[in-house]
Amino acid sequence: MESNSLRRALTLTHALKTAVAQGDWVQAAALGDERSALLMSLQPGQPEEALAMIREIQQIDRAVTEQIKAGKEKLEEHHNCAIRRIDSVSKYHSTAML
């Protein structure tokens, strides 16, 4: 992989981290798609400078994965709360019709 492409992948990784931190999932997905093509073109036998960038990308990916898991759990919590509220309103209306 050319050094410029790897630098672009690293730049996209930083932008992806920012998008995830802001909860901008659409932007994060677009950045991830663009970055994937660059990372998929990696070849074995990279120079040390490239390996350092790859390790940085991997480190950021681990942090982003944790943020995504936390965001997913928070979203699930909000969803479950909304379902309970809907169920409560439904029971209230059923009781009111008696």
Protein backbone atom coordinates (compact mmCIF):
# COMPACT_ATOMS: atom_id res chain seq x y z
CA MET A 1 0.00 0.00 0.00
CA GLU A 2 1.28 3.43 -0.79
CA SER A 3 2.24 5.58 2.15
CA ASN A 4 -0.30 8.23 1.07
CA SER A 5 -3.12 5.67 1.10
CA LEU A 6 -2.16 4.50 4.57
CA ARG A 7 -2.00 8.10 5.79
CA ARG A 8 -5.48 8.61 4.31
CA ALA A 9 -6.70 5.50 6.15
CA LEU A 10 -5.26 6.87 9.40
CA THR A 11 -6.94 10.24 8.79
CA LEU A 12 -10.24 8.47 8.14
CA THR A 13 -9.75 6.45 11.33
CA HIS A 14 -9.39 9.64 13.37
CA ALA A 15 -12.50 11.08 11.67
CA LEU A 16 -14.35 7.82 12.40
CA LYS A 17 -13.40 8.09 16.07
CA THR A 18 -14.77 11.65 16.17
CA ALA A 19 -18.00 10.66 14.41
CA VAL A 20 -18.59 7.79 16.85
CA ALA A 21 -17.88 10.05 19.84
CA GLN A 22 -20.51 12.47 18.52
CA GLY A 23 -23.00 9.67 17.86
CA ASP A 24 -23.03 10.43 14.12
CA TRP A 25 -23.56 6.85 13.04
CA VAL A 26 -24.32 7.67 9.39
CA GLN A 27 -21.04 9.56 9.02
CA ALA A 28 -19.17 6.83 10.91
CA ALA A 29 -20.52 4.18 8.53
CA ALA A 30 -19.54 6.21 5.47
CA LEU A 31 -16.04 6.77 6.83
CA GLY A 32 -15.72 3.09 7.68
CA ASP A 33 -16.71 2.07 4.16
CA GLU A 34 -14.20 4.44 2.58
CA ARG A 35 -11.47 3.31 4.95
CA SER A 36 -12.15 -0.40 4.41
CA ALA A 37 -11.15 -0.24 0.76
CA LEU A 38 -7.82 1.30 1.71
CA LEU A 39 -7.12 -1.22 4.46
CA MET A 40 -8.10 -4.20 2.31
CA SER A 41 -5.33 -3.31 -0.12
CA LEU A 42 -2.62 -3.80 2.54
CA GLN A 43 0.15 -6.16 1.50
CA PRO A 44 2.55 -8.09 3.74
CA GLY A 45 6.04 -6.77 4.33
CA GLN A 46 5.22 -3.18 5.20
CA PRO A 47 8.05 -0.84 6.28
CA GLU A 48 8.33 0.13 9.96
CA GLU A 49 6.70 3.55 9.38
CA ALA A 50 3.67 1.85 7.84
CA LEU A 51 3.51 -0.70 10.66
CA ALA A 52 3.47 2.13 13.20
CA MET A 53 0.48 3.69 11.42
CA ILE A 54 -1.26 0.32 11.25
CA ARG A 55 -0.75 -0.18 14.99
CA GLU A 56 -2.20 3.28 15.64
CA ILE A 57 -5.24 2.41 13.51
CA GLN A 58 -5.68 -0.83 15.47
CA GLN A 59 -5.44 1.02 18.78
CA ILE A 60 -8.06 3.56 17.70
CA ASP A 61 -10.27 0.74 16.41
CA ARG A 62 -10.23 -0.92 19.84
CA ALA A 63 -11.30 2.34 21.49
CA VAL A 64 -14.00 2.93 18.87
CA THR A 65 -15.31 -0.61 19.36
CA GLU A 66 -15.76 0.07 23.08
CA GLN A 67 -17.58 3.34 22.32
CA ILE A 68 -19.84 1.54 19.86
CA LYS A 69 -20.68 -1.14 22.43
CA ALA A 70 -21.53 1.53 25.01
CA GLY A 71 -23.66 3.39 22.47
CA LYS A 72 -25.48 0.18 21.54
CA GLU A 73 -26.21 -0.58 25.19
CA LYS A 74 -27.52 2.95 25.74
CA LEU A 75 -29.74 2.69 22.65
CA GLU A 76 -31.08 -0.68 23.82
CA GLU A 77 -31.85 0.83 27.23
CA HIS A 78 -33.79 3.71 25.63
CA HIS A 79 -35.63 1.27 23.38
CA ASN A 80 -36.64 -0.97 26.28
CA CYS A 81 -37.81 2.06 28.26
CA ALA A 82 -39.94 3.21 25.32
CA ILE A 83 -41.47 -0.26 24.97
CA ARG A 84 -42.36 -0.29 28.68
CA ARG A 85 -44.00 3.14 28.34
CA ILE A 86 -46.02 2.01 25.34
CA ASP A 87 -47.10 -1.08 27.26
CA SER A 88 -48.14 1.08 30.23
CA VAL A 89 -50.20 3.40 28.02
CA SER A 90 -51.81 0.41 26.34
CA LYS A 91 -52.80 -1.05 29.71
CA TYR A 92 -54.12 2.34 30.83
CA HIS A 93 -56.32 2.63 27.73
CA SER A 94 -57.54 -0.97 28.11
CA THR A 95 -58.51 -0.28 31.71
CA ALA A 96 -60.21 2.99 30.79
CA MET A 97 -62.45 1.19 28.28
CA LEU A 98 -63.84 -1.15 30.94
